[in-house]
Amino acid sequence: SWLVDYVLPAAYTEVKYLLVATMVQPLLYLLSETTVVGMNIKRKTGYAVVISLAALSVNILISIVLTPHFGAAGASVANAIAFFVFFIGRTEASSRVWRPVARKRMYLVLCLYIAFACFTSMYGNRYALEVPIIWTCILLFTVVFFRADLRDAARIVFDRKK
């Protein structure tokens, strides 16, 4: 997000802090498309309406609370949390109607990412020096936490090229 400083005028320097939280929505939606497969296979798509309404309700409630105080940052946080609810709802429904998926680690790491994305959106301008350091620590944590998965993925990629 630091590249935003080179693209936008100086009056928009705060946008770089909103960018992280606003990227949560497309990423979680994409990820939820992979975890919702079981719900679609079993044709239990009625859950989708309930899950969408739950996420919408969360978004509205959090927006009402945060937007007056934090402005666009509050709205981006509400959207990020609502899409996390959406993702969890779709993943849980799919796991219950089709095949269980290991998801505790995924939820733990996503919760960390979203919590800090929300923090960055709301307080990034106050902690401008600390935010990149903490994101770097989160990246290192992710690499260590998922090292076996990353190793397996690298093997798959590099074995196909031979």
N, C-alpha and C. Protein backbone atom coordinates (compact mmCIF):
# COMPACT_ATOMS: atom_id res chain seq x y z
N SER A 1 0.81 -1.21 0.00
CA SER A 1 0.00 0.00 0.00
C SER A 1 0.85 1.27 0.00
N TRP A 2 2.10 1.16 0.33
CA TRP A 2 2.98 2.33 0.33
C TRP A 2 3.14 2.92 -1.07
N LEU A 3 2.88 2.14 -2.10
CA LEU A 3 2.97 2.65 -3.47
C LEU A 3 1.90 3.68 -3.79
N VAL A 4 0.83 3.67 -3.00
CA VAL A 4 -0.26 4.62 -3.21
C VAL A 4 0.27 6.06 -3.10
N ASP A 5 1.27 6.27 -2.26
CA ASP A 5 1.85 7.61 -2.11
C ASP A 5 2.40 8.15 -3.43
N TYR A 6 2.85 7.26 -4.29
CA TYR A 6 3.42 7.68 -5.58
C TYR A 6 2.36 7.88 -6.65
N VAL A 7 1.17 7.35 -6.43
CA VAL A 7 0.12 7.40 -7.44
C VAL A 7 -0.88 8.52 -7.16
N LEU A 8 -1.26 8.68 -5.91
CA LEU A 8 -2.28 9.66 -5.55
C LEU A 8 -1.66 10.96 -5.05
N PRO A 9 -2.39 12.06 -5.14
CA PRO A 9 -1.89 13.33 -4.62
C PRO A 9 -1.70 13.26 -3.09
N ALA A 10 -0.94 14.20 -2.57
CA ALA A 10 -0.61 14.22 -1.14
C ALA A 10 -1.85 14.28 -0.24
N ALA A 11 -2.93 14.85 -0.73
CA ALA A 11 -4.16 14.96 0.06
C ALA A 11 -4.77 13.59 0.36
N TYR A 12 -4.34 12.56 -0.35
CA TYR A 12 -4.92 11.23 -0.20
C TYR A 12 -3.96 10.25 0.48
N THR A 13 -3.05 10.73 1.29
CA THR A 13 -2.06 9.83 1.91
C THR A 13 -2.70 8.81 2.86
N GLU A 14 -3.86 9.13 3.40
CA GLU A 14 -4.53 8.20 4.32
C GLU A 14 -5.11 6.98 3.60
N VAL A 15 -5.27 7.05 2.30
CA VAL A 15 -5.87 5.95 1.53
C VAL A 15 -5.06 4.67 1.67
N LYS A 16 -3.76 4.78 1.79
CA LYS A 16 -2.92 3.57 1.89
C LYS A 16 -3.30 2.72 3.10
N TYR A 17 -3.82 3.33 4.15
CA TYR A 17 -4.22 2.58 5.32
C TYR A 17 -5.57 1.89 5.11
N LEU A 18 -6.41 2.46 4.28
CA LEU A 18 -7.70 1.85 3.98
C LEU A 18 -7.55 0.67 3.02
N LEU A 19 -6.54 0.71 2.21
CA LEU A 19 -6.35 -0.28 1.16
C LEU A 19 -6.31 -1.70 1.69
N VAL A 20 -5.64 -1.91 2.79
CA VAL A 20 -5.49 -3.26 3.34
C VAL A 20 -6.85 -3.84 3.71
N ALA A 21 -7.67 -3.08 4.41
CA ALA A 21 -8.98 -3.58 4.82
C ALA A 21 -9.92 -3.74 3.63
N THR A 22 -9.79 -2.88 2.62
CA THR A 22 -10.68 -3.01 1.47
C THR A 22 -10.30 -4.21 0.60
N MET A 23 -9.09 -4.69 0.70
CA MET A 23 -8.68 -5.87 -0.07
C MET A 23 -9.18 -7.17 0.56
N VAL A 24 -9.66 -7.11 1.78
CA VAL A 24 -10.17 -8.32 2.46
C VAL A 24 -11.37 -8.88 1.70
N GLN A 25 -12.26 -8.02 1.26
CA GLN A 25 -13.49 -8.48 0.60
C GLN A 25 -13.22 -9.34 -0.62
N PRO A 26 -12.47 -8.89 -1.61
CA PRO A 26 -12.29 -9.76 -2.78
C PRO A 26 -11.49 -11.02 -2.46
N LEU A 27 -10.56 -10.92 -1.54
CA LEU A 27 -9.77 -12.11 -1.19
C LEU A 27 -10.62 -13.16 -0.47
N LEU A 28 -11.43 -12.73 0.49
CA LEU A 28 -12.29 -13.68 1.20
C LEU A 28 -13.38 -14.23 0.30
N TYR A 29 -13.89 -13.42 -0.59
CA TYR A 29 -14.90 -13.93 -1.52
C TYR A 29 -14.29 -15.02 -2.41
N LEU A 30 -13.10 -14.76 -2.93
CA LEU A 30 -12.42 -15.76 -3.76
C LEU A 30 -12.15 -17.03 -2.97
N LEU A 31 -11.66 -16.88 -1.76
CA LEU A 31 -11.39 -18.05 -0.92
C LEU A 31 -12.68 -18.79 -0.59
N SER A 32 -13.76 -18.06 -0.35
CA SER A 32 -15.03 -18.73 -0.03
C SER A 32 -15.60 -19.48 -1.23
N GLU A 33 -15.26 -19.05 -2.43
CA GLU A 33 -15.71 -19.78 -3.62
C GLU A 33 -15.09 -21.18 -3.66
N THR A 34 -13.92 -21.34 -3.08
CA THR A 34 -13.30 -22.67 -3.05
C THR A 34 -13.84 -23.51 -1.91
N THR A 35 -14.22 -22.87 -0.80
CA THR A 35 -14.71 -23.65 0.33
C THR A 35 -16.20 -23.96 0.25
N VAL A 36 -16.94 -23.29 -0.61
CA VAL A 36 -18.38 -23.47 -0.71
C VAL A 36 -18.77 -24.57 -1.69
N VAL A 37 -17.81 -25.20 -2.31
CA VAL A 37 -18.08 -26.19 -3.35
C VAL A 37 -19.05 -27.27 -2.87
N GLY A 38 -18.85 -27.75 -1.66
CA GLY A 38 -19.72 -28.82 -1.14
C GLY A 38 -21.17 -28.41 -1.05
N MET A 39 -21.43 -27.18 -0.67
CA MET A 39 -22.80 -26.70 -0.58
C MET A 39 -23.44 -26.68 -1.96
N ASN A 40 -22.67 -26.32 -2.96
CA ASN A 40 -23.19 -26.30 -4.33
C ASN A 40 -23.39 -27.72 -4.88
N ILE A 41 -22.46 -28.61 -4.57
CA ILE A 41 -22.58 -29.99 -5.03
C ILE A 41 -23.82 -30.65 -4.45
N LYS A 42 -24.06 -30.42 -3.17
CA LYS A 42 -25.23 -31.01 -2.50
C LYS A 42 -26.51 -30.23 -2.75
N ARG A 43 -26.41 -29.16 -3.52
CA ARG A 43 -27.55 -28.32 -3.88
C ARG A 43 -28.30 -27.79 -2.65
N LYS A 44 -27.54 -27.38 -1.68
CA LYS A 44 -28.09 -26.78 -0.46
C LYS A 44 -27.87 -25.26 -0.51
N THR A 45 -28.19 -24.68 -1.63
CA THR A 45 -27.91 -23.26 -1.84
C THR A 45 -28.84 -22.34 -1.05
N GLY A 46 -29.85 -22.87 -0.41
CA GLY A 46 -30.71 -22.06 0.44
C GLY A 46 -29.94 -21.44 1.60
N TYR A 47 -28.90 -22.12 2.02
CA TYR A 47 -28.05 -21.56 3.07
C TYR A 47 -27.42 -20.24 2.64
N ALA A 48 -27.18 -20.11 1.35
CA ALA A 48 -26.51 -18.91 0.84
C ALA A 48 -27.29 -17.64 1.17
N VAL A 49 -28.60 -17.69 1.13
CA VAL A 49 -29.42 -16.52 1.43
C VAL A 49 -29.28 -16.15 2.90
N VAL A 50 -29.37 -17.13 3.77
CA VAL A 50 -29.25 -16.87 5.21
C VAL A 50 -27.86 -16.31 5.53
N ILE A 51 -26.84 -16.91 4.94
CA ILE A 51 -25.46 -16.46 5.18
C ILE A 51 -25.27 -15.03 4.68
N SER A 52 -25.79 -14.74 3.50
CA SER A 52 -25.67 -13.38 2.96
C SER A 52 -26.40 -12.36 3.82
N LEU A 53 -27.57 -12.72 4.30
CA LEU A 53 -28.32 -11.80 5.18
C LEU A 53 -27.60 -11.60 6.51
N ALA A 54 -26.99 -12.65 7.03
CA ALA A 54 -26.22 -12.52 8.28
C ALA A 54 -25.04 -11.57 8.07
N ALA A 55 -24.32 -11.75 6.97
CA ALA A 55 -23.18 -10.88 6.69
C ALA A 55 -23.63 -9.44 6.46
N LEU A 56 -24.74 -9.27 5.77
CA LEU A 56 -25.29 -7.93 5.55
C LEU A 56 -25.66 -7.27 6.88
N SER A 57 -26.28 -8.03 7.76
CA SER A 57 -26.66 -7.50 9.08
C SER A 57 -25.43 -7.07 9.87
N VAL A 58 -24.39 -7.90 9.85
CA VAL A 58 -23.14 -7.55 10.53
C VAL A 58 -22.57 -6.27 9.95
N ASN A 59 -22.57 -6.17 8.63
CA ASN A 59 -22.03 -4.98 7.98
C ASN A 59 -22.80 -3.73 8.39
N ILE A 60 -24.12 -3.81 8.37
CA ILE A 60 -24.94 -2.66 8.74
C ILE A 60 -24.70 -2.25 10.19
N LEU A 61 -24.70 -3.22 11.10
CA LEU A 61 -24.51 -2.90 12.51
C LEU A 61 -23.14 -2.28 12.79
N ILE A 62 -22.11 -2.87 12.24
CA ILE A 62 -20.76 -2.34 12.48
C ILE A 62 -20.61 -0.98 11.79
N SER A 63 -21.19 -0.82 10.63
CA SER A 63 -21.14 0.48 9.94
C SER A 63 -21.81 1.57 10.75
N ILE A 64 -22.94 1.25 11.34
CA ILE A 64 -23.66 2.23 12.17
C ILE A 64 -22.80 2.67 13.35
N VAL A 65 -22.06 1.72 13.92
CA VAL A 65 -21.23 2.03 15.09
C VAL A 65 -19.93 2.75 14.70
N LEU A 66 -19.24 2.25 13.66
CA LEU A 66 -17.89 2.75 13.37
C LEU A 66 -17.81 3.92 12.38
N THR A 67 -18.70 3.96 11.41
CA THR A 67 -18.58 4.98 10.37
C THR A 67 -18.70 6.41 10.89
N PRO A 68 -19.60 6.70 11.82
CA PRO A 68 -19.64 8.09 12.31
C PRO A 68 -18.33 8.54 12.96
N HIS A 69 -17.64 7.63 13.63
CA HIS A 69 -16.40 8.01 14.32
C HIS A 69 -15.17 7.89 13.42
N PHE A 70 -15.10 6.83 12.60
CA PHE A 70 -13.90 6.57 11.80
C PHE A 70 -14.06 6.87 10.32
N GLY A 71 -15.24 7.21 9.87
CA GLY A 71 -15.46 7.54 8.46
C GLY A 71 -15.23 6.34 7.54
N ALA A 72 -14.48 6.57 6.47
CA ALA A 72 -14.22 5.50 5.49
C ALA A 72 -13.50 4.32 6.12
N ALA A 73 -12.65 4.57 7.11
CA ALA A 73 -11.96 3.48 7.80
C ALA A 73 -12.97 2.59 8.51
N GLY A 74 -13.96 3.17 9.14
CA GLY A 74 -15.00 2.39 9.81
C GLY A 74 -15.80 1.56 8.82
N ALA A 75 -16.11 2.15 7.67
CA ALA A 75 -16.84 1.42 6.64
C ALA A 75 -16.01 0.27 6.09
N SER A 76 -14.71 0.48 5.90
CA SER A 76 -13.86 -0.60 5.39
C SER A 76 -13.73 -1.72 6.41
N VAL A 77 -13.68 -1.37 7.69
CA VAL A 77 -13.62 -2.38 8.75
C VAL A 77 -14.92 -3.18 8.78
N ALA A 78 -16.05 -2.49 8.69
CA ALA A 78 -17.34 -3.18 8.68
C ALA A 78 -17.42 -4.15 7.52
N ASN A 79 -16.96 -3.74 6.36
CA ASN A 79 -16.98 -4.60 5.19
C ASN A 79 -16.06 -5.81 5.38
N ALA A 80 -14.88 -5.59 5.93
CA ALA A 80 -13.93 -6.69 6.15
C ALA A 80 -14.50 -7.72 7.12
N ILE A 81 -15.07 -7.26 8.21
CA ILE A 81 -15.63 -8.19 9.21
C ILE A 81 -16.85 -8.91 8.64
N ALA A 82 -17.68 -8.19 7.90
CA ALA A 82 -18.86 -8.82 7.30
C ALA A 82 -18.45 -9.92 6.31
N PHE A 83 -17.41 -9.68 5.54
CA PHE A 83 -16.97 -10.72 4.61
C PHE A 83 -16.30 -11.88 5.32
N PHE A 84 -15.73 -11.64 6.48
CA PHE A 84 -15.20 -12.75 7.28
C PHE A 84 -16.37 -13.61 7.77
N VAL A 85 -17.44 -12.98 8.21
CA VAL A 85 -18.65 -13.71 8.62
C VAL A 85 -19.20 -14.49 7.43
N PHE A 86 -19.25 -13.86 6.27
CA PHE A 86 -19.70 -14.50 5.04
C PHE A 86 -18.85 -15.73 4.72
N PHE A 87 -17.54 -15.56 4.79
CA PHE A 87 -16.61 -16.65 4.51
C PHE A 87 -16.82 -17.81 5.50
N ILE A 88 -16.89 -17.50 6.78
CA ILE A 88 -17.08 -18.54 7.79
C ILE A 88 -18.41 -19.25 7.58
N GLY A 89 -19.45 -18.49 7.31
CA GLY A 89 -20.77 -19.09 7.08
C GLY A 89 -20.77 -20.06 5.91
N ARG A 90 -20.19 -19.65 4.81
CA ARG A 90 -20.15 -20.52 3.62
C ARG A 90 -19.27 -21.75 3.87
N THR A 91 -18.16 -21.54 4.54
CA THR A 91 -17.25 -22.65 4.80
C THR A 91 -17.88 -23.65 5.76
N GLU A 92 -18.49 -23.17 6.82
CA GLU A 92 -19.13 -24.06 7.80
C GLU A 92 -20.31 -24.81 7.18
N ALA A 93 -21.13 -24.12 6.42
CA ALA A 93 -22.28 -24.78 5.78
C ALA A 93 -21.79 -25.87 4.84
N SER A 94 -20.79 -25.58 4.06
CA SER A 94 -20.26 -26.56 3.12
C SER A 94 -19.66 -27.76 3.84
N SER A 95 -18.96 -27.49 4.92
CA SER A 95 -18.36 -28.58 5.70
C SER A 95 -19.41 -29.47 6.34
N ARG A 96 -20.52 -28.88 6.70
CA ARG A 96 -21.58 -29.68 7.35
C ARG A 96 -22.39 -30.50 6.36
N VAL A 97 -22.62 -29.97 5.17
CA VAL A 97 -23.47 -30.70 4.22
C VAL A 97 -22.69 -31.62 3.30
N TRP A 98 -21.39 -31.45 3.20
CA TRP A 98 -20.61 -32.28 2.29
C TRP A 98 -19.48 -32.95 3.04
N ARG A 99 -18.28 -32.49 2.88
CA ARG A 99 -17.12 -33.07 3.55
C ARG A 99 -16.51 -32.07 4.51
N PRO A 100 -16.17 -32.53 5.71
CA PRO A 100 -15.50 -31.61 6.64
C PRO A 100 -14.14 -31.17 6.10
N VAL A 101 -13.84 -29.92 6.29
CA VAL A 101 -12.58 -29.34 5.85
C VAL A 101 -11.83 -28.88 7.10
N ALA A 102 -10.53 -29.11 7.15
CA ALA A 102 -9.72 -28.59 8.26
C ALA A 102 -9.73 -27.07 8.17
N ARG A 103 -10.23 -26.42 9.18
CA ARG A 103 -10.41 -24.98 9.07
C ARG A 103 -9.97 -24.19 10.29
N LYS A 104 -9.60 -24.83 11.37
CA LYS A 104 -9.21 -24.08 12.56
C LYS A 104 -7.98 -23.21 12.31
N ARG A 105 -6.96 -23.78 11.69
CA ARG A 105 -5.75 -23.00 11.38
C ARG A 105 -6.07 -21.86 10.43
N MET A 106 -6.91 -22.15 9.44
CA MET A 106 -7.29 -21.13 8.46
C MET A 106 -8.02 -19.97 9.15
N TYR A 107 -8.97 -20.29 10.03
CA TYR A 107 -9.70 -19.25 10.74
C TYR A 107 -8.77 -18.46 11.66
N LEU A 108 -7.86 -19.14 12.32
CA LEU A 108 -6.93 -18.47 13.22
C LEU A 108 -6.09 -17.44 12.47
N VAL A 109 -5.50 -17.86 11.36
CA VAL A 109 -4.64 -16.96 10.60
C VAL A 109 -5.45 -15.84 9.95
N LEU A 110 -6.60 -16.17 9.39
CA LEU A 110 -7.45 -15.12 8.79
C LEU A 110 -7.91 -14.12 9.84
N CYS A 111 -8.20 -14.60 11.03
CA CYS A 111 -8.61 -13.69 12.11
C CYS A 111 -7.47 -12.72 12.44
N LEU A 112 -6.26 -13.23 12.48
CA LEU A 112 -5.10 -12.37 12.72
C LEU A 112 -4.97 -11.32 11.62
N TYR A 113 -5.05 -11.78 10.36
CA TYR A 113 -4.94 -10.85 9.22
C TYR A 113 -6.02 -9.78 9.27
N ILE A 114 -7.24 -10.20 9.48
CA ILE A 114 -8.36 -9.25 9.45
C ILE A 114 -8.29 -8.29 10.63
N ALA A 115 -7.93 -8.81 11.80
CA ALA A 115 -7.81 -7.93 12.97
C ALA A 115 -6.77 -6.84 12.70
N PHE A 116 -5.63 -7.23 12.15
CA PHE A 116 -4.61 -6.22 11.92
C PHE A 116 -4.94 -5.35 10.71
N ALA A 117 -5.65 -5.89 9.73
CA ALA A 117 -6.10 -5.05 8.60
C ALA A 117 -7.05 -3.97 9.13
N CYS A 118 -7.93 -4.35 10.04
CA CYS A 118 -8.86 -3.37 10.64
C CYS A 118 -8.09 -2.35 11.47
N PHE A 119 -7.13 -2.83 12.25
CA PHE A 119 -6.29 -1.91 13.03
C PHE A 119 -5.56 -0.94 12.10
N THR A 120 -4.99 -1.46 11.03
CA THR A 120 -4.27 -0.62 10.08
C THR A 120 -5.20 0.43 9.47
N SER A 121 -6.40 0.02 9.14
CA SER A 121 -7.35 0.94 8.54
C SER A 121 -7.74 2.07 9.49
N MET A 122 -7.95 1.72 10.75
CA MET A 122 -8.42 2.72 11.71
C MET A 122 -7.29 3.53 12.36
N TYR A 123 -6.14 2.90 12.58
CA TYR A 123 -5.08 3.56 13.34
C TYR A 123 -3.73 3.61 12.62
N GLY A 124 -3.69 3.22 11.37
CA GLY A 124 -2.44 3.19 10.63
C GLY A 124 -1.72 4.52 10.58
N ASN A 125 -2.48 5.59 10.48
CA ASN A 125 -1.85 6.92 10.42
C ASN A 125 -1.19 7.29 11.75
N ARG A 126 -1.70 6.79 12.86
CA ARG A 126 -1.11 7.07 14.18
C ARG A 126 0.13 6.23 14.45
N TYR A 127 0.17 5.05 13.86
CA TYR A 127 1.28 4.12 14.09
C TYR A 127 1.99 3.80 12.77
N ALA A 128 2.29 4.83 12.03
CA ALA A 128 2.85 4.67 10.69
C ALA A 128 4.18 3.92 10.69
N LEU A 129 4.98 4.05 11.72
CA LEU A 129 6.26 3.33 11.78
C LEU A 129 6.08 1.87 12.20
N GLU A 130 5.16 1.62 13.09
CA GLU A 130 4.97 0.28 13.63
C GLU A 130 4.23 -0.65 12.67
N VAL A 131 3.31 -0.10 11.89
CA VAL A 131 2.46 -0.93 11.01
C VAL A 131 3.28 -1.79 10.05
N PRO A 132 4.25 -1.25 9.30
CA PRO A 132 5.03 -2.12 8.40
C PRO A 132 5.83 -3.18 9.15
N ILE A 133 6.29 -2.85 10.33
CA ILE A 133 7.05 -3.83 11.12
C ILE A 133 6.15 -4.98 11.55
N ILE A 134 4.96 -4.64 12.01
CA ILE A 134 4.02 -5.69 12.44
C ILE A 134 3.59 -6.54 11.25
N TRP A 135 3.34 -5.93 10.08
CA TRP A 135 2.97 -6.72 8.89
C TRP A 135 4.11 -7.64 8.48
N THR A 136 5.33 -7.19 8.64
CA THR A 136 6.48 -8.04 8.33
C THR A 136 6.53 -9.23 9.30
N CYS A 137 6.26 -8.98 10.56
CA CYS A 137 6.21 -10.07 11.56
C CYS A 137 5.09 -11.05 11.23
N ILE A 138 3.95 -10.53 10.80
CA ILE A 138 2.84 -11.40 10.42
C ILE A 138 3.23 -12.25 9.21
N LEU A 139 3.92 -11.67 8.25
CA LEU A 139 4.40 -12.43 7.09
C LEU A 139 5.34 -13.55 7.54
N LEU A 140 6.28 -13.24 8.40
CA LEU A 140 7.21 -14.26 8.90
C LEU A 140 6.47 -15.34 9.67
N PHE A 141 5.51 -14.95 10.49
CA PHE A 141 4.69 -15.92 11.22
C PHE A 141 3.97 -16.84 10.24
N THR A 142 3.43 -16.28 9.18
CA THR A 142 2.70 -17.07 8.18
C THR A 142 3.62 -18.08 7.50
N VAL A 143 4.80 -17.64 7.14
CA VAL A 143 5.75 -18.54 6.48
C VAL A 143 6.12 -19.70 7.40
N VAL A 144 6.37 -19.39 8.68
CA VAL A 144 6.72 -20.44 9.64
C VAL A 144 5.52 -21.34 9.91
N PHE A 145 4.36 -20.75 10.11
CA PHE A 145 3.14 -21.49 10.45
C PHE A 145 2.72 -22.44 9.33
N PHE A 146 2.90 -22.02 8.09
CA PHE A 146 2.49 -22.82 6.94
C PHE A 146 3.68 -23.38 6.16
N ARG A 147 4.82 -23.53 6.80
CA ARG A 147 6.02 -23.97 6.09
C ARG A 147 5.84 -25.32 5.41
N ALA A 148 5.17 -26.26 6.06
CA ALA A 148 4.96 -27.56 5.43
C ALA A 148 4.07 -27.44 4.20
N ASP A 149 3.04 -26.64 4.29
CA ASP A 149 2.14 -26.43 3.14
C ASP A 149 2.87 -25.71 2.01
N LEU A 150 3.68 -24.73 2.36
CA LEU A 150 4.45 -24.01 1.34
C LEU A 150 5.47 -24.93 0.67
N ARG A 151 6.08 -25.80 1.47
CA ARG A 151 7.03 -26.77 0.92
C ARG A 151 6.33 -27.72 -0.05
N ASP A 152 5.15 -28.21 0.33
CA ASP A 152 4.39 -29.10 -0.55
C ASP A 152 3.99 -28.39 -1.84
N ALA A 153 3.54 -27.15 -1.73
CA ALA A 153 3.16 -26.39 -2.92
C ALA A 153 4.36 -26.17 -3.83
N ALA A 154 5.51 -25.87 -3.24
CA ALA A 154 6.71 -25.66 -4.05
C ALA A 154 7.11 -26.95 -4.76
N ARG A 155 6.99 -28.08 -4.09
CA ARG A 155 7.29 -29.37 -4.72
C ARG A 155 6.38 -29.62 -5.91
N ILE A 156 5.12 -29.34 -5.74
CA ILE A 156 4.16 -29.54 -6.84
C ILE A 156 4.53 -28.66 -8.03
N VAL A 157 4.80 -27.41 -7.76
CA VAL A 157 5.11 -26.46 -8.83
C VAL A 157 6.40 -26.86 -9.54
N PHE A 158 7.43 -27.12 -8.78
CA PHE A 158 8.75 -27.39 -9.39
C PHE A 158 8.85 -28.79 -9.97
N ASP A 159 8.10 -29.76 -9.47
CA ASP A 159 8.09 -31.11 -10.05
C ASP A 159 7.41 -31.11 -11.41
N ARG A 160 6.43 -30.26 -11.62
CA ARG A 160 5.74 -30.19 -12.91
C ARG A 160 6.60 -29.59 -13.99
N LYS A 161 7.54 -28.75 -13.61
CA LYS A 161 8.38 -28.09 -14.60
C LYS A 161 9.47 -29.01 -15.13
N LYS A 162 9.72 -30.11 -14.46
CA LYS A 162 10.79 -31.04 -14.92
C LYS A 162 10.32 -31.91 -16.04
